[in-house]
Amino acid sequence: MSESLTPEEVAILIKARRIQKDKGLDKDFDVKSVCETAGVSRKTGYQWAEKFASSTETTARQEVEQELADLQAKHEKLSKDYEREAFENRARKLAWEIHHVDEWLASKKNTSKGKTKKKR
């Protein structure tokens, strides 16, 4: 059994099958028949394949590099946002401790229990 295929290879093969079907080529077409259908020599066919494969790889690489740069920028922004929020949360917690807000809220909670009226 052959090596497993990458997602890109699967996409290329599916696209090739669709083109093959649209152009009326045999299921077992080879390079020679493809080049004859296109009206070019095998040598030219291989040159085209190499040319377009390398341009596709270059484009894919550029897309990946751009996506990486975008993700790094987002990560940096999120890290800064997290640090700012963490700082604010620490400051808020410290302020609550200094002013005994938790104790005050607890005392308010305990005193309000007795004042509520029960429905009949």
C-alpha atoms as a PDB file:
ATOM      1  CA  MET A   1       0.000   0.000   0.000  1.00  0.00           C
ATOM      2  CA  SER A   2       1.259   3.475  -0.798  1.00  0.00           C
ATOM      3  CA  GLU A   3       1.967   6.321   1.577  1.00  0.00           C
ATOM      4  CA  SER A   4      -1.046   8.177   2.884  1.00  0.00           C
ATOM      5  CA  LEU A   5      -2.028  11.263   0.935  1.00  0.00           C
ATOM      6  CA  THR A   6      -1.902  14.803   2.245  1.00  0.00           C
ATOM      7  CA  PRO A   7      -5.056  16.938   2.116  1.00  0.00           C
ATOM      8  CA  GLU A   8      -3.516  18.970  -0.704  1.00  0.00           C
ATOM      9  CA  GLU A   9      -2.793  15.832  -2.731  1.00  0.00           C
ATOM     10  CA  VAL A  10      -6.341  14.582  -2.248  1.00  0.00           C
ATOM     11  CA  ALA A  11      -7.696  17.947  -3.427  1.00  0.00           C
ATOM     12  CA  ILE A  12      -5.429  17.877  -6.491  1.00  0.00           C
ATOM     13  CA  LEU A  13      -6.490  14.337  -7.399  1.00  0.00           C
ATOM     14  CA  ILE A  14     -10.180  15.148  -7.029  1.00  0.00           C
ATOM     15  CA  LYS A  15      -9.735  18.260  -9.167  1.00  0.00           C
ATOM     16  CA  ALA A  16      -7.852  16.199 -11.760  1.00  0.00           C
ATOM     17  CA  ARG A  17     -10.692  13.630 -11.889  1.00  0.00           C
ATOM     18  CA  ARG A  18     -13.238  16.403 -12.415  1.00  0.00           C
ATOM     19  CA  ILE A  19     -11.180  17.916 -15.230  1.00  0.00           C
ATOM     20  CA  GLN A  20     -10.691  14.455 -16.723  1.00  0.00           C
ATOM     21  CA  LYS A  21     -14.440  13.828 -16.719  1.00  0.00           C
ATOM     22  CA  ASP A  22     -15.258  17.302 -18.115  1.00  0.00           C
ATOM     23  CA  LYS A  23     -12.721  16.925 -20.947  1.00  0.00           C
ATOM     24  CA  GLY A  24     -13.812  13.371 -21.823  1.00  0.00           C
ATOM     25  CA  LEU A  25     -10.484  11.683 -21.071  1.00  0.00           C
ATOM     26  CA  ASP A  26     -10.237   7.947 -20.317  1.00  0.00           C
ATOM     27  CA  LYS A  27     -10.123   6.880 -16.683  1.00  0.00           C
ATOM     28  CA  ASP A  28      -6.660   5.424 -17.258  1.00  0.00           C
ATOM     29  CA  PHE A  29      -5.184   8.450 -18.997  1.00  0.00           C
ATOM     30  CA  ASP A  30      -1.442   8.904 -18.986  1.00  0.00           C
ATOM     31  CA  VAL A  31       0.856  11.875 -19.525  1.00  0.00           C
ATOM     32  CA  LYS A  32       1.131  11.186 -23.235  1.00  0.00           C
ATOM     33  CA  SER A  33      -2.642  11.242 -23.804  1.00  0.00           C
ATOM     34  CA  VAL A  34      -3.049  14.387 -21.696  1.00  0.00           C
ATOM     35  CA  CYS A  35      -0.345  16.185 -23.672  1.00  0.00           C
ATOM     36  CA  GLU A  36      -1.824  15.009 -27.002  1.00  0.00           C
ATOM     37  CA  THR A  37      -5.258  16.303 -25.944  1.00  0.00           C
ATOM     38  CA  ALA A  38      -3.672  19.650 -25.023  1.00  0.00           C
ATOM     39  CA  GLY A  39      -1.738  19.732 -28.285  1.00  0.00           C
ATOM     40  CA  VAL A  40       1.708  19.934 -26.686  1.00  0.00           C
ATOM     41  CA  SER A  41       4.710  17.630 -26.405  1.00  0.00           C
ATOM     42  CA  ARG A  42       5.385  15.564 -23.295  1.00  0.00           C
ATOM     43  CA  LYS A  43       8.426  17.717 -22.598  1.00  0.00           C
ATOM     44  CA  THR A  44       6.272  20.868 -22.628  1.00  0.00           C
ATOM     45  CA  GLY A  45       3.679  19.120 -20.473  1.00  0.00           C
ATOM     46  CA  TYR A  46       6.290  18.286 -17.839  1.00  0.00           C
ATOM     47  CA  GLN A  47       7.637  21.851 -18.006  1.00  0.00           C
ATOM     48  CA  TRP A  48       4.126  23.199 -17.388  1.00  0.00           C
ATOM     49  CA  ALA A  49       3.618  20.770 -14.518  1.00  0.00           C
ATOM     50  CA  GLU A  50       6.872  21.845 -12.894  1.00  0.00           C
ATOM     51  CA  LYS A  51       6.165  25.536 -13.453  1.00  0.00           C
ATOM     52  CA  PHE A  52       2.647  25.462 -12.038  1.00  0.00           C
ATOM     53  CA  ALA A  53       3.564  23.123  -9.191  1.00  0.00           C
ATOM     54  CA  SER A  54       6.332  25.450  -8.014  1.00  0.00           C
ATOM     55  CA  SER A  55       4.105  28.546  -8.312  1.00  0.00           C
ATOM     56  CA  THR A  56       1.364  26.753  -6.375  1.00  0.00           C
ATOM     57  CA  GLU A  57       3.837  25.753  -3.665  1.00  0.00           C
ATOM     58  CA  THR A  58       5.138  29.326  -3.476  1.00  0.00           C
ATOM     59  CA  THR A  59       1.613  30.705  -3.178  1.00  0.00           C
ATOM     60  CA  ALA A  60       0.707  28.147  -0.519  1.00  0.00           C
ATOM     61  CA  ARG A  61       3.875  28.964   1.423  1.00  0.00           C
ATOM     62  CA  GLN A  62       3.118  32.686   1.250  1.00  0.00           C
ATOM     63  CA  GLU A  63      -0.425  32.051   2.491  1.00  0.00           C
ATOM     64  CA  VAL A  64       0.871  29.986   5.411  1.00  0.00           C
ATOM     65  CA  GLU A  65       3.480  32.622   6.283  1.00  0.00           C
ATOM     66  CA  GLN A  66       0.810  35.354   6.169  1.00  0.00           C
ATOM     67  CA  GLU A  67      -1.501  33.295   8.370  1.00  0.00           C
ATOM     68  CA  LEU A  68       1.365  32.710  10.809  1.00  0.00           C
ATOM     69  CA  ALA A  69       2.099  36.452  10.959  1.00  0.00           C
ATOM     70  CA  ASP A  70      -1.604  37.180  11.555  1.00  0.00           C
ATOM     71  CA  LEU A  71      -1.784  34.574  14.320  1.00  0.00           C
ATOM     72  CA  GLN A  72       1.356  35.951  15.974  1.00  0.00           C
ATOM     73  CA  ALA A  73      -0.095  39.475  15.912  1.00  0.00           C
ATOM     74  CA  LYS A  74      -3.391  38.212  17.381  1.00  0.00           C
ATOM     75  CA  HIS A  75      -1.483  36.293  20.044  1.00  0.00           C
ATOM     76  CA  GLU A  76       0.494  39.385  20.998  1.00  0.00           C
ATOM     77  CA  LYS A  77      -2.689  41.487  21.213  1.00  0.00           C
ATOM     78  CA  LEU A  78      -4.486  38.842  23.272  1.00  0.00           C
ATOM     79  CA  SER A  79      -1.487  38.540  25.599  1.00  0.00           C
ATOM     80  CA  LYS A  80      -1.504  42.296  26.191  1.00  0.00           C
ATOM     81  CA  ASP A  81      -5.274  42.278  26.729  1.00  0.00           C
ATOM     82  CA  TYR A  82      -4.939  39.387  29.176  1.00  0.00           C
ATOM     83  CA  GLU A  83      -2.198  41.135  31.131  1.00  0.00           C
ATOM     84  CA  ARG A  84      -4.270  44.328  31.349  1.00  0.00           C
ATOM     85  CA  GLU A  85      -7.363  42.425  32.516  1.00  0.00           C
ATOM     86  CA  ALA A  86      -5.332  40.401  35.013  1.00  0.00           C
ATOM     87  CA  PHE A  87      -3.830  43.626  36.415  1.00  0.00           C
ATOM     88  CA  GLU A  88      -7.288  45.205  36.722  1.00  0.00           C
ATOM     89  CA  ASN A  89      -8.656  42.096  38.407  1.00  0.00           C
ATOM     90  CA  ARG A  90      -5.789  42.044  40.918  1.00  0.00           C
ATOM     91  CA  ALA A  91      -6.366  45.750  41.638  1.00  0.00           C
ATOM     92  CA  ARG A  92     -10.113  45.193  42.040  1.00  0.00           C
ATOM     93  CA  LYS A  93      -9.527  42.268  44.407  1.00  0.00           C
ATOM     94  CA  LEU A  94      -7.080  44.330  46.466  1.00  0.00           C
ATOM     95  CA  ALA A  95      -9.564  47.211  46.671  1.00  0.00           C
ATOM     96  CA  TRP A  96     -12.291  44.835  47.864  1.00  0.00           C
ATOM     97  CA  GLU A  97      -9.951  43.474  50.550  1.00  0.00           C
ATOM     98  CA  ILE A  98      -8.931  46.962  51.699  1.00  0.00           C
ATOM     99  CA  HIS A  99     -12.512  48.168  51.953  1.00  0.00           C
ATOM    100  CA  HIS A 100     -13.851  44.878  53.350  1.00  0.00           C
ATOM    101  CA  VAL A 101     -16.479  44.661  50.611  1.00  0.00           C
ATOM    102  CA  ASP A 102     -16.939  40.907  51.008  1.00  0.00           C
ATOM    103  CA  GLU A 103     -17.705  41.302  54.711  1.00  0.00           C
ATOM    104  CA  TRP A 104     -20.085  44.169  54.007  1.00  0.00           C
ATOM    105  CA  LEU A 105     -21.920  42.165  51.320  1.00  0.00           C
ATOM    106  CA  ALA A 106     -22.147  39.172  53.655  1.00  0.00           C
ATOM    107  CA  SER A 107     -23.643  41.327  56.400  1.00  0.00           C
ATOM    108  CA  LYS A 108     -26.184  42.781  53.944  1.00  0.00           C
ATOM    109  CA  LYS A 109     -27.104  39.302  52.785  1.00  0.00           C
ATOM    110  CA  ASN A 110     -27.704  38.115  56.349  1.00  0.00           C
ATOM    111  CA  THR A 111     -29.861  41.116  57.299  1.00  0.00           C
ATOM    112  CA  SER A 112     -32.056  40.929  54.217  1.00  0.00           C
ATOM    113  CA  LYS A 113     -33.180  37.357  54.921  1.00  0.00           C
ATOM    114  CA  GLY A 114     -35.394  38.314  57.834  1.00  0.00           C
ATOM    115  CA  LYS A 115     -37.108  41.195  56.036  1.00  0.00           C
ATOM    116  CA  THR A 116     -38.584  39.284  53.110  1.00  0.00           C
ATOM    117  CA  LYS A 117     -42.276  38.511  53.324  1.00  0.00           C
ATOM    118  CA  LYS A 118     -43.507  35.041  52.668  1.00  0.00           C
ATOM    119  CA  LYS A 119     -46.292  34.589  50.155  1.00  0.00           C
ATOM    120  CA  ARG A 120     -49.314  32.626  51.215  1.00  0.00           C
END
